[in-house]
Amino acid sequence: MTLRLTVDRQAWLDHVRTTAGEHGAALPVVKGNGYGFGRPILLQQAGTISDHVAVGTVFEAIDVPTTLTPIVLTPVGDSIPNTLSPHAILTVGSHEHIATLNKHGWRGNVVVKLQSTMQRFGAPATELATIEHACAQASLNIVGWSIHPPLSPSGEDRSGEVSCWMELLHDSLPIFVSHLTGAQMSTLRTQFPQRQFVSRIGTTLWLGDKSMTRLSTEVLDLHRVEGGTAGYRSAPLNGNGHIVVVGAGTAHGVYEIPQVGSPFHFAQQRLQLVEHPYMHSSMLFIPDGDLVPRVGDAIDVQQAMTRVYPDNITWM
């Protein structure tokens, strides 16, 4: 093993089902690294929640099974793969996005992204009518609206950014909303019973309680040193001790933690990095007096699941 993800299967499945239930009508998001699980595993679970799935790009959409309709979250750039399903739903948020699809000869369904205080991309209210007209002129069929308020770590209710659009959307198309809680989505549905709100959920759906998962790596090598230097860049060692080589690095999405340092732990102690993690391994230094693991022992890895690529997933 190099980087291993261990998952409490039943706890994870219970969390996914409970979270989807709390949000009501839900659109599962399966993008990027598949939140550490890999997209194929999550696509299987997404099919138990909805017949649609949100993906990051048109290139991720080509992996979606035919039983699911992909909704592509990021506007198309300079190319569209030939294998993209004609049933895929693309996203536009400006006249330029519509022009790009027209240039590619795309004729199909789209979701119109609405502007929020996130200020990433999205149509402002003043351009909504002209964007609707431009879609019709380009033979793009609008099948929904989407809005992506920013995260609210302080618990602030961002649903006002959604409700302010209701007077401008003169139809009954679904509205895909990100980053609201299940309770906030329920309130919106009560306030606007004639509207169909769909909760677009990714991190909240797939990750949740950290006790369900554990990231670890294996000690591949171990040797004693008496000061000196080590590593690619001949980093100075802080005294006598042991070099511990573990099988996880940047190829797995494992990096130093900003303002913290090493992501590796053993015996409830953070282990010192000799230098930045390399592709498939990292070098650690344990000074004399601290507990030293053996070759083959597991070392805990503290890293964001949205970035890592485990070599192995163990379901418990």
C-alpha atoms as a PDB file:
ATOM      1  CA  MET A   1       0.000   0.000   0.000  1.00  0.00           C
ATOM      2  CA  THR A   2       1.033   3.636  -0.432  1.00  0.00           C
ATOM      3  CA  LEU A   3      -1.881   5.998   0.278  1.00  0.00           C
ATOM      4  CA  ARG A   4      -4.866   4.112   1.687  1.00  0.00           C
ATOM      5  CA  LEU A   5      -8.374   5.368   2.400  1.00  0.00           C
ATOM      6  CA  THR A   6     -10.248   3.314   4.983  1.00  0.00           C
ATOM      7  CA  VAL A   7     -14.022   3.825   5.117  1.00  0.00           C
ATOM      8  CA  ASP A   8     -16.669   2.680   7.570  1.00  0.00           C
ATOM      9  CA  ARG A   9     -19.034   1.480   4.849  1.00  0.00           C
ATOM     10  CA  GLN A  10     -22.292   1.453   6.796  1.00  0.00           C
ATOM     11  CA  ALA A  11     -21.681   4.773   8.525  1.00  0.00           C
ATOM     12  CA  TRP A  12     -20.847   6.373   5.179  1.00  0.00           C
ATOM     13  CA  LEU A  13     -23.889   4.945   3.402  1.00  0.00           C
ATOM     14  CA  ASP A  14     -26.136   6.032   6.279  1.00  0.00           C
ATOM     15  CA  HIS A  15     -24.672   9.540   6.091  1.00  0.00           C
ATOM     16  CA  VAL A  16     -25.221   9.783   2.319  1.00  0.00           C
ATOM     17  CA  ARG A  17     -28.839   8.626   2.574  1.00  0.00           C
ATOM     18  CA  THR A  18     -29.629  10.836   5.564  1.00  0.00           C
ATOM     19  CA  THR A  19     -28.082  13.923   3.983  1.00  0.00           C
ATOM     20  CA  ALA A  20     -29.895  13.401   0.682  1.00  0.00           C
ATOM     21  CA  GLY A  21     -33.150  12.962   2.606  1.00  0.00           C
ATOM     22  CA  GLU A  22     -32.609  16.177   4.568  1.00  0.00           C
ATOM     23  CA  HIS A  23     -32.153  18.159   1.359  1.00  0.00           C
ATOM     24  CA  GLY A  24     -35.233  16.798  -0.401  1.00  0.00           C
ATOM     25  CA  ALA A  25     -34.923  17.045  -4.190  1.00  0.00           C
ATOM     26  CA  ALA A  26     -31.146  16.785  -4.653  1.00  0.00           C
ATOM     27  CA  LEU A  27     -28.603  16.875  -7.448  1.00  0.00           C
ATOM     28  CA  PRO A  28     -25.479  14.935  -6.385  1.00  0.00           C
ATOM     29  CA  VAL A  29     -22.158  16.416  -7.470  1.00  0.00           C
ATOM     30  CA  VAL A  30     -19.439  14.017  -8.661  1.00  0.00           C
ATOM     31  CA  LYS A  31     -16.404  15.938  -9.894  1.00  0.00           C
ATOM     32  CA  GLY A  32     -12.638  16.227  -9.677  1.00  0.00           C
ATOM     33  CA  ASN A  33     -11.065  13.439  -7.649  1.00  0.00           C
ATOM     34  CA  GLY A  34     -14.486  12.160  -6.568  1.00  0.00           C
ATOM     35  CA  TYR A  35     -13.970  13.665  -3.097  1.00  0.00           C
ATOM     36  CA  GLY A  36     -11.237  11.101  -2.439  1.00  0.00           C
ATOM     37  CA  PHE A  37     -13.414   8.092  -3.318  1.00  0.00           C
ATOM     38  CA  GLY A  38     -12.978   8.391  -7.083  1.00  0.00           C
ATOM     39  CA  ARG A  39     -15.770   9.340  -9.470  1.00  0.00           C
ATOM     40  CA  PRO A  40     -16.804   5.760 -10.460  1.00  0.00           C
ATOM     41  CA  ILE A  41     -17.716   4.847  -6.861  1.00  0.00           C
ATOM     42  CA  LEU A  42     -19.689   8.049  -6.337  1.00  0.00           C
ATOM     43  CA  LEU A  43     -21.485   7.767  -9.680  1.00  0.00           C
ATOM     44  CA  GLN A  44     -22.907   4.441  -8.496  1.00  0.00           C
ATOM     45  CA  GLN A  45     -24.270   6.095  -5.358  1.00  0.00           C
ATOM     46  CA  ALA A  46     -25.486   9.159  -7.255  1.00  0.00           C
ATOM     47  CA  GLY A  47     -27.814   6.919  -9.244  1.00  0.00           C
ATOM     48  CA  THR A  48     -29.636   5.976  -6.038  1.00  0.00           C
ATOM     49  CA  ILE A  49     -30.395   9.658  -5.370  1.00  0.00           C
ATOM     50  CA  SER A  50     -31.263  11.134  -8.768  1.00  0.00           C
ATOM     51  CA  ASP A  51     -31.338  10.392 -12.491  1.00  0.00           C
ATOM     52  CA  HIS A  52     -29.151  13.488 -13.009  1.00  0.00           C
ATOM     53  CA  VAL A  53     -25.611  14.100 -11.756  1.00  0.00           C
ATOM     54  CA  ALA A  54     -23.514  17.274 -11.719  1.00  0.00           C
ATOM     55  CA  VAL A  55     -19.938  17.012 -13.018  1.00  0.00           C
ATOM     56  CA  GLY A  56     -17.157  19.561 -13.250  1.00  0.00           C
ATOM     57  CA  THR A  57     -16.384  19.668 -16.970  1.00  0.00           C
ATOM     58  CA  VAL A  58     -17.416  18.264 -20.335  1.00  0.00           C
ATOM     59  CA  PHE A  59     -14.433  15.921 -20.058  1.00  0.00           C
ATOM     60  CA  GLU A  60     -15.746  14.467 -16.792  1.00  0.00           C
ATOM     61  CA  ALA A  61     -19.200  14.135 -18.352  1.00  0.00           C
ATOM     62  CA  ILE A  62     -18.008  11.507 -20.834  1.00  0.00           C
ATOM     63  CA  ASP A  63     -17.456   9.070 -17.919  1.00  0.00           C
ATOM     64  CA  VAL A  64     -21.076   9.313 -16.742  1.00  0.00           C
ATOM     65  CA  PRO A  65     -23.075   6.110 -17.390  1.00  0.00           C
ATOM     66  CA  THR A  66     -25.984   6.311 -19.803  1.00  0.00           C
ATOM     67  CA  THR A  67     -28.407   5.763 -16.911  1.00  0.00           C
ATOM     68  CA  LEU A  68     -27.588   9.270 -15.644  1.00  0.00           C
ATOM     69  CA  THR A  69     -27.885  12.656 -17.336  1.00  0.00           C
ATOM     70  CA  PRO A  70     -24.796  14.814 -16.688  1.00  0.00           C
ATOM     71  CA  ILE A  71     -25.167  18.487 -15.840  1.00  0.00           C
ATOM     72  CA  VAL A  72     -21.835  20.179 -16.538  1.00  0.00           C
ATOM     73  CA  LEU A  73     -21.089  22.899 -13.973  1.00  0.00           C
ATOM     74  CA  THR A  74     -18.225  24.736 -15.703  1.00  0.00           C
ATOM     75  CA  PRO A  75     -18.850  26.635 -18.956  1.00  0.00           C
ATOM     76  CA  VAL A  76     -17.254  25.094 -22.035  1.00  0.00           C
ATOM     77  CA  GLY A  77     -13.852  26.350 -23.160  1.00  0.00           C
ATOM     78  CA  ASP A  78     -12.049  25.821 -26.445  1.00  0.00           C
ATOM     79  CA  SER A  79     -13.090  22.209 -27.050  1.00  0.00           C
ATOM     80  CA  ILE A  80     -15.866  19.678 -26.567  1.00  0.00           C
ATOM     81  CA  PRO A  81     -15.023  15.954 -26.720  1.00  0.00           C
ATOM     82  CA  ASN A  82     -16.637  14.111 -29.609  1.00  0.00           C
ATOM     83  CA  THR A  83     -17.879  11.459 -27.186  1.00  0.00           C
ATOM     84  CA  LEU A  84     -19.927  13.909 -25.092  1.00  0.00           C
ATOM     85  CA  SER A  85     -23.511  12.681 -24.878  1.00  0.00           C
ATOM     86  CA  PRO A  86     -25.992  14.846 -26.801  1.00  0.00           C
ATOM     87  CA  HIS A  87     -28.211  14.532 -23.721  1.00  0.00           C
ATOM     88  CA  ALA A  88     -25.672  16.328 -21.517  1.00  0.00           C
ATOM     89  CA  ILE A  89     -26.849  19.620 -20.022  1.00  0.00           C
ATOM     90  CA  LEU A  90     -24.294  22.427 -20.282  1.00  0.00           C
ATOM     91  CA  THR A  91     -24.008  25.651 -18.282  1.00  0.00           C
ATOM     92  CA  VAL A  92     -23.986  29.198 -19.636  1.00  0.00           C
ATOM     93  CA  GLY A  93     -23.706  32.417 -17.659  1.00  0.00           C
ATOM     94  CA  SER A  94     -22.916  35.039 -20.281  1.00  0.00           C
ATOM     95  CA  HIS A  95     -23.297  35.919 -23.959  1.00  0.00           C
ATOM     96  CA  GLU A  96     -19.712  34.743 -24.473  1.00  0.00           C
ATOM     97  CA  HIS A  97     -20.591  31.274 -23.164  1.00  0.00           C
ATOM     98  CA  ILE A  98     -23.487  31.079 -25.609  1.00  0.00           C
ATOM     99  CA  ALA A  99     -21.250  32.215 -28.471  1.00  0.00           C
ATOM    100  CA  THR A 100     -18.722  29.507 -27.587  1.00  0.00           C
ATOM    101  CA  LEU A 101     -21.371  26.771 -27.762  1.00  0.00           C
ATOM    102  CA  ASN A 102     -22.586  28.205 -31.050  1.00  0.00           C
ATOM    103  CA  LYS A 103     -19.017  28.110 -32.390  1.00  0.00           C
ATOM    104  CA  HIS A 104     -18.763  24.432 -31.429  1.00  0.00           C
ATOM    105  CA  GLY A 105     -22.094  23.733 -33.133  1.00  0.00           C
ATOM    106  CA  TRP A 106     -23.681  22.561 -29.865  1.00  0.00           C
ATOM    107  CA  ARG A 107     -27.460  22.392 -29.954  1.00  0.00           C
ATOM    108  CA  GLY A 108     -29.053  21.072 -26.804  1.00  0.00           C
ATOM    109  CA  ASN A 109     -30.098  21.696 -23.220  1.00  0.00           C
ATOM    110  CA  VAL A 110     -28.505  24.294 -20.963  1.00  0.00           C
ATOM    111  CA  VAL A 111     -28.798  25.605 -17.434  1.00  0.00           C
ATOM    112  CA  VAL A 112     -28.352  29.359 -16.999  1.00  0.00           C
ATOM    113  CA  LYS A 113     -26.062  30.321 -14.133  1.00  0.00           C
ATOM    114  CA  LEU A 114     -27.259  33.350 -12.155  1.00  0.00           C
ATOM    115  CA  GLN A 115     -24.887  35.842 -10.559  1.00  0.00           C
ATOM    116  CA  SER A 116     -24.269  35.666  -6.802  1.00  0.00           C
ATOM    117  CA  THR A 117     -21.963  37.459  -4.372  1.00  0.00           C
ATOM    118  CA  MET A 118     -19.457  34.691  -5.031  1.00  0.00           C
ATOM    119  CA  GLN A 119     -18.612  36.739  -8.155  1.00  0.00           C
ATOM    120  CA  ARG A 120     -17.253  33.781 -10.109  1.00  0.00           C
ATOM    121  CA  PHE A 121     -19.463  33.627 -13.164  1.00  0.00           C
ATOM    122  CA  GLY A 122     -23.161  34.035 -13.748  1.00  0.00           C
ATOM    123  CA  ALA A 123     -25.649  36.250 -15.546  1.00  0.00           C
ATOM    124  CA  PRO A 124     -26.488  39.560 -13.842  1.00  0.00           C
ATOM    125  CA  ALA A 125     -30.161  40.441 -13.524  1.00  0.00           C
ATOM    126  CA  THR A 126     -29.814  43.222 -16.101  1.00  0.00           C
ATOM    127  CA  GLU A 127     -28.752  40.722 -18.797  1.00  0.00           C
ATOM    128  CA  LEU A 128     -31.141  37.886 -18.013  1.00  0.00           C
ATOM    129  CA  ALA A 129     -33.684  38.716 -20.722  1.00  0.00           C
ATOM    130  CA  THR A 130     -31.063  39.123 -23.457  1.00  0.00           C
ATOM    131  CA  ILE A 131     -29.345  35.880 -22.436  1.00  0.00           C
ATOM    132  CA  GLU A 132     -32.664  34.030 -22.660  1.00  0.00           C
ATOM    133  CA  HIS A 133     -33.162  35.488 -26.149  1.00  0.00           C
ATOM    134  CA  ALA A 134     -29.602  34.598 -27.189  1.00  0.00           C
ATOM    135  CA  CYS A 135     -30.138  30.991 -26.064  1.00  0.00           C
ATOM    136  CA  ALA A 136     -33.272  30.747 -28.178  1.00  0.00           C
ATOM    137  CA  GLN A 137     -31.444  32.202 -31.191  1.00  0.00           C
ATOM    138  CA  ALA A 138     -28.654  29.634 -30.749  1.00  0.00           C
ATOM    139  CA  SER A 139     -31.109  26.702 -30.431  1.00  0.00           C
ATOM    140  CA  LEU A 140     -30.164  26.184 -26.786  1.00  0.00           C
ATOM    141  CA  ASN A 141     -33.051  24.933 -24.692  1.00  0.00           C
ATOM    142  CA  ILE A 142     -33.025  26.343 -21.157  1.00  0.00           C
ATOM    143  CA  VAL A 143     -34.022  23.557 -18.756  1.00  0.00           C
ATOM    144  CA  GLY A 144     -33.154  25.205 -15.455  1.00  0.00           C
ATOM    145  CA  TRP A 145     -31.466  27.959 -13.495  1.00  0.00           C
ATOM    146  CA  SER A 146     -28.592  27.671 -11.057  1.00  0.00           C
ATOM    147  CA  ILE A 147     -27.136  29.868  -8.350  1.00  0.00           C
ATOM    148  CA  HIS A 148     -24.029  29.286  -6.259  1.00  0.00           C
ATOM    149  CA  PRO A 149     -23.813  31.503  -3.162  1.00  0.00           C
ATOM    150  CA  PRO A 150     -20.456  31.540  -1.339  1.00  0.00           C
ATOM    151  CA  LEU A 151     -19.747  29.268   1.581  1.00  0.00           C
ATOM    152  CA  SER A 152     -20.944  30.510   4.943  1.00  0.00           C
ATOM    153  CA  PRO A 153     -18.699  29.074   7.670  1.00  0.00           C
ATOM    154  CA  SER A 154     -20.248  31.404  10.251  1.00  0.00           C
ATOM    155  CA  GLY A 155     -23.684  29.909   9.622  1.00  0.00           C
ATOM    156  CA  GLU A 156     -25.061  32.960   7.827  1.00  0.00           C
ATOM    157  CA  ASP A 157     -28.202  32.188   5.820  1.00  0.00           C
ATOM    158  CA  ARG A 158     -27.485  32.864   2.124  1.00  0.00           C
ATOM    159  CA  SER A 159     -30.973  31.958   0.912  1.00  0.00           C
ATOM    160  CA  GLY A 160     -31.735  35.638   0.340  1.00  0.00           C
ATOM    161  CA  GLU A 161     -29.416  35.498  -2.669  1.00  0.00           C
ATOM    162  CA  VAL A 162     -31.773  32.926  -4.131  1.00  0.00           C
ATOM    163  CA  SER A 163     -35.120  34.455  -3.217  1.00  0.00           C
ATOM    164  CA  CYS A 164     -34.220  37.834  -4.754  1.00  0.00           C
ATOM    165  CA  TRP A 165     -34.269  36.193  -8.206  1.00  0.00           C
ATOM    166  CA  MET A 166     -37.782  34.769  -7.972  1.00  0.00           C
ATOM    167  CA  GLU A 167     -39.572  37.784  -9.448  1.00  0.00           C
ATOM    168  CA  LEU A 168     -37.297  37.655 -12.492  1.00  0.00           C
ATOM    169  CA  LEU A 169     -37.712  33.968 -13.343  1.00  0.00           C
ATOM    170  CA  HIS A 170     -41.035  33.875 -15.127  1.00  0.00           C
ATOM    171  CA  ASP A 171     -41.363  30.133 -15.567  1.00  0.00           C
ATOM    172  CA  SER A 172     -41.558  26.896 -13.600  1.00  0.00           C
ATOM    173  CA  LEU A 173     -38.104  25.541 -14.446  1.00  0.00           C
ATOM    174  CA  PRO A 174     -36.089  23.929 -11.625  1.00  0.00           C
ATOM    175  CA  ILE A 175     -33.633  26.109  -9.708  1.00  0.00           C
ATOM    176  CA  PHE A 176     -30.400  24.367  -8.697  1.00  0.00           C
ATOM    177  CA  VAL A 177     -28.983  25.839  -5.497  1.00  0.00           C
ATOM    178  CA  SER A 178     -25.602  25.219  -3.842  1.00  0.00           C
ATOM    179  CA  HIS A 179     -24.349  25.697  -0.283  1.00  0.00           C
ATOM    180  CA  LEU A 180     -27.653  25.916   1.574  1.00  0.00           C
ATOM    181  CA  THR A 181     -28.585  23.601   4.422  1.00  0.00           C
ATOM    182  CA  GLY A 182     -31.490  21.192   4.206  1.00  0.00           C
ATOM    183  CA  ALA A 183     -33.474  23.431   6.553  1.00  0.00           C
ATOM    184  CA  GLN A 184     -32.792  26.525   4.426  1.00  0.00           C
ATOM    185  CA  MET A 185     -33.885  24.668   1.296  1.00  0.00           C
ATOM    186  CA  SER A 186     -37.077  23.634   3.073  1.00  0.00           C
ATOM    187  CA  THR A 187     -37.768  27.263   3.977  1.00  0.00           C
ATOM    188  CA  LEU A 188     -37.343  28.335   0.354  1.00  0.00           C
ATOM    189  CA  ARG A 189     -39.804  25.675  -0.773  1.00  0.00           C
ATOM    190  CA  THR A 190     -42.302  26.921   1.800  1.00  0.00           C
ATOM    191  CA  GLN A 191     -41.843  30.559   0.751  1.00  0.00           C
ATOM    192  CA  PHE A 192     -42.179  29.776  -2.956  1.00  0.00           C
ATOM    193  CA  PRO A 193     -44.366  26.656  -3.224  1.00  0.00           C
ATOM    194  CA  GLN A 194     -44.824  27.126  -6.971  1.00  0.00           C
ATOM    195  CA  ARG A 195     -41.078  26.761  -7.521  1.00  0.00           C
ATOM    196  CA  GLN A 196     -38.987  23.599  -7.832  1.00  0.00           C
ATOM    197  CA  PHE A 197     -35.769  23.966  -5.830  1.00  0.00           C
ATOM    198  CA  VAL A 198     -33.077  21.325  -6.221  1.00  0.00           C
ATOM    199  CA  SER A 199     -30.240  21.182  -3.712  1.00  0.00           C
ATOM    200  CA  ARG A 200     -26.910  20.697  -5.460  1.00  0.00           C
ATOM    201  CA  ILE A 201     -24.698  18.893  -2.931  1.00  0.00           C
ATOM    202  CA  GLY A 202     -21.183  17.475  -3.094  1.00  0.00           C
ATOM    203  CA  THR A 203     -18.911  17.921  -0.070  1.00  0.00           C
ATOM    204  CA  THR A 204     -21.815  17.826   2.395  1.00  0.00           C
ATOM    205  CA  LEU A 205     -23.185  14.675   0.776  1.00  0.00           C
ATOM    206  CA  TRP A 206     -20.015  12.628   0.387  1.00  0.00           C
ATOM    207  CA  LEU A 207     -17.812  13.717   3.280  1.00  0.00           C
ATOM    208  CA  GLY A 208     -19.520  14.686   6.546  1.00  0.00           C
ATOM    209  CA  ASP A 209     -18.211  13.230   9.826  1.00  0.00           C
ATOM    210  CA  LYS A 210     -14.448  12.592   9.623  1.00  0.00           C
ATOM    211  CA  SER A 211     -14.768   9.577  11.929  1.00  0.00           C
ATOM    212  CA  MET A 212     -16.107   7.605   8.937  1.00  0.00           C
ATOM    213  CA  THR A 213     -12.834   7.800   7.036  1.00  0.00           C
ATOM    214  CA  ARG A 214      -9.109   7.522   7.654  1.00  0.00           C
ATOM    215  CA  LEU A 215      -6.190   8.339   5.371  1.00  0.00           C
ATOM    216  CA  SER A 216      -2.939   6.499   6.023  1.00  0.00           C
ATOM    217  CA  THR A 217       0.330   5.613   4.344  1.00  0.00           C
ATOM    218  CA  GLU A 218       2.925   2.916   4.871  1.00  0.00           C
ATOM    219  CA  VAL A 219       6.480   3.167   6.169  1.00  0.00           C
ATOM    220  CA  LEU A 220       8.622   2.002   3.255  1.00  0.00           C
ATOM    221  CA  ASP A 221      12.072   2.486   4.737  1.00  0.00           C
ATOM    222  CA  LEU A 222      13.759   3.462   7.990  1.00  0.00           C
ATOM    223  CA  HIS A 223      17.344   4.222   8.924  1.00  0.00           C
ATOM    224  CA  ARG A 224      19.273   5.948  11.659  1.00  0.00           C
ATOM    225  CA  VAL A 225      21.192   9.195  11.070  1.00  0.00           C
ATOM    226  CA  GLU A 226      23.540  11.267  13.152  1.00  0.00           C
ATOM    227  CA  GLY A 227      22.941  14.815  12.029  1.00  0.00           C
ATOM    228  CA  GLY A 228      24.049  15.858   8.567  1.00  0.00           C
ATOM    229  CA  THR A 229      21.694  16.419   5.646  1.00  0.00           C
ATOM    230  CA  ALA A 230      19.102  14.424   3.718  1.00  0.00           C
ATOM    231  CA  GLY A 231      16.705  14.654   0.805  1.00  0.00           C
ATOM    232  CA  TYR A 232      16.787  15.993  -2.755  1.00  0.00           C
ATOM    233  CA  ARG A 233      17.863  19.409  -1.571  1.00  0.00           C
ATOM    234  CA  SER A 234      20.281  18.269   1.184  1.00  0.00           C
ATOM    235  CA  ALA A 235      18.123  19.696   3.948  1.00  0.00           C
ATOM    236  CA  PRO A 236      19.915  19.979   7.313  1.00  0.00           C
ATOM    237  CA  LEU A 237      18.765  17.511   9.984  1.00  0.00           C
ATOM    238  CA  ASN A 238      17.957  18.706  13.458  1.00  0.00           C
ATOM    239  CA  GLY A 239      20.206  16.374  15.445  1.00  0.00           C
ATOM    240  CA  ASN A 240      20.362  12.594  15.710  1.00  0.00           C
ATOM    241  CA  GLY A 241      17.431  10.320  15.008  1.00  0.00           C
ATOM    242  CA  HIS A 242      15.773   8.337  12.247  1.00  0.00           C
ATOM    243  CA  ILE A 243      14.788   9.046   8.652  1.00  0.00           C
ATOM    244  CA  VAL A 244      11.388   7.531   7.927  1.00  0.00           C
ATOM    245  CA  VAL A 245      10.313   7.202   4.280  1.00  0.00           C
ATOM    246  CA  VAL A 246       6.563   6.912   3.717  1.00  0.00           C
ATOM    247  CA  GLY A 247       4.695   6.072   0.499  1.00  0.00           C
ATOM    248  CA  ALA A 248       2.639   9.201  -0.085  1.00  0.00           C
ATOM    249  CA  GLY A 249       3.475  12.412  -1.896  1.00  0.00           C
ATOM    250  CA  THR A 250       2.332  15.018  -4.351  1.00  0.00           C
ATOM    251  CA  ALA A 251       1.192  12.418  -6.905  1.00  0.00           C
ATOM    252  CA  HIS A 252      -1.419  11.462  -4.310  1.00  0.00           C
ATOM    253  CA  GLY A 253      -2.366  15.093  -3.686  1.00  0.00           C
ATOM    254  CA  VAL A 254      -0.473  15.122  -0.367  1.00  0.00           C
ATOM    255  CA  TYR A 255       1.196  18.424   0.488  1.00  0.00           C
ATOM    256  CA  GLU A 256       2.321  20.377   3.514  1.00  0.00           C
ATOM    257  CA  ILE A 257      -0.547  22.030   5.391  1.00  0.00           C
ATOM    258  CA  PRO A 258      -0.364  25.853   5.238  1.00  0.00           C
ATOM    259  CA  GLN A 259       0.531  27.426   8.594  1.00  0.00           C
ATOM    260  CA  VAL A 260       0.731  23.924  10.108  1.00  0.00           C
ATOM    261  CA  GLY A 261       3.427  21.929   8.320  1.00  0.00           C
ATOM    262  CA  SER A 262       3.667  18.169   8.049  1.00  0.00           C
ATOM    263  CA  PRO A 263       0.457  16.237   7.328  1.00  0.00           C
ATOM    264  CA  PHE A 264       1.877  13.014   8.814  1.00  0.00           C
ATOM    265  CA  HIS A 265       1.148  11.670  12.317  1.00  0.00           C
ATOM    266  CA  PHE A 266       2.326   8.670  14.323  1.00  0.00           C
ATOM    267  CA  ALA A 267       1.462   7.816  17.936  1.00  0.00           C
ATOM    268  CA  GLN A 268      -0.572  11.044  18.122  1.00  0.00           C
ATOM    269  CA  GLN A 269       2.456  13.170  17.255  1.00  0.00           C
ATOM    270  CA  ARG A 270       2.995  15.263  14.131  1.00  0.00           C
ATOM    271  CA  LEU A 271       6.103  14.023  12.323  1.00  0.00           C
ATOM    272  CA  GLN A 272       8.644  16.482  10.951  1.00  0.00           C
ATOM    273  CA  LEU A 273       9.171  16.643   7.196  1.00  0.00           C
ATOM    274  CA  VAL A 274      12.775  16.607   6.000  1.00  0.00           C
ATOM    275  CA  GLU A 275      11.638  18.545   2.903  1.00  0.00           C
ATOM    276  CA  HIS A 276       8.500  19.041   0.842  1.00  0.00           C
ATOM    277  CA  PRO A 277       6.713  15.801  -0.137  1.00  0.00           C
ATOM    278  CA  TYR A 278       7.909  14.397  -3.464  1.00  0.00           C
ATOM    279  CA  MET A 279       5.913  12.513  -6.130  1.00  0.00           C
ATOM    280  CA  HIS A 280       5.259   9.142  -4.474  1.00  0.00           C
ATOM    281  CA  SER A 281       7.072   9.414  -1.172  1.00  0.00           C
ATOM    282  CA  SER A 282       7.917  11.768   1.657  1.00  0.00           C
ATOM    283  CA  MET A 283      10.899  11.814   3.999  1.00  0.00           C
ATOM    284  CA  LEU A 284      10.300  12.360   7.705  1.00  0.00           C
ATOM    285  CA  PHE A 285      12.707  12.905  10.601  1.00  0.00           C
ATOM    286  CA  ILE A 286      12.097  11.535  14.103  1.00  0.00           C
ATOM    287  CA  PRO A 287      14.576  12.770  16.726  1.00  0.00           C
ATOM    288  CA  ASP A 288      16.038  10.470  19.353  1.00  0.00           C
ATOM    289  CA  GLY A 289      13.688   9.978  22.252  1.00  0.00           C
ATOM    290  CA  ASP A 290      10.477   9.895  20.184  1.00  0.00           C
ATOM    291  CA  LEU A 291       8.631   6.704  19.278  1.00  0.00           C
ATOM    292  CA  VAL A 292       9.809   5.311  15.939  1.00  0.00           C
ATOM    293  CA  PRO A 293       7.528   3.217  13.668  1.00  0.00           C
ATOM    294  CA  ARG A 294       8.690   0.063  11.921  1.00  0.00           C
ATOM    295  CA  VAL A 295       8.757  -0.679   8.212  1.00  0.00           C
ATOM    296  CA  GLY A 296       5.220  -1.632   7.220  1.00  0.00           C
ATOM    297  CA  ASP A 297       3.525   0.398   9.972  1.00  0.00           C
ATOM    298  CA  ALA A 298       0.695   2.759   9.048  1.00  0.00           C
ATOM    299  CA  ILE A 299       1.174   6.521   9.405  1.00  0.00           C
ATOM    300  CA  ASP A 300      -1.881   8.786   9.574  1.00  0.00           C
ATOM    301  CA  VAL A 301      -2.194  11.441   6.857  1.00  0.00           C
ATOM    302  CA  GLN A 302      -4.033  14.720   7.438  1.00  0.00           C
ATOM    303  CA  GLN A 303      -5.165  16.003   4.072  1.00  0.00           C
ATOM    304  CA  ALA A 304      -8.273  17.420   2.402  1.00  0.00           C
ATOM    305  CA  MET A 305     -10.287  14.619   0.792  1.00  0.00           C
ATOM    306  CA  THR A 306     -11.197  16.894  -2.110  1.00  0.00           C
ATOM    307  CA  ARG A 307      -7.562  16.753  -3.215  1.00  0.00           C
ATOM    308  CA  VAL A 308      -6.224  13.253  -2.557  1.00  0.00           C
ATOM    309  CA  TYR A 309      -5.946  10.249  -4.876  1.00  0.00           C
ATOM    310  CA  PRO A 310      -5.683   7.093  -2.746  1.00  0.00           C
ATOM    311  CA  ASP A 311      -4.096   4.007  -4.269  1.00  0.00           C
ATOM    312  CA  ASN A 312      -6.375   1.746  -2.288  1.00  0.00           C
ATOM    313  CA  ILE A 313      -9.786   2.021  -0.618  1.00  0.00           C
ATOM    314  CA  THR A 314     -10.617  -0.404   2.173  1.00  0.00           C
ATOM    315  CA  TRP A 315     -14.283  -0.712   3.144  1.00  0.00           C
ATOM    316  CA  MET A 316     -14.772  -1.837   6.723  1.00  0.00           C
END
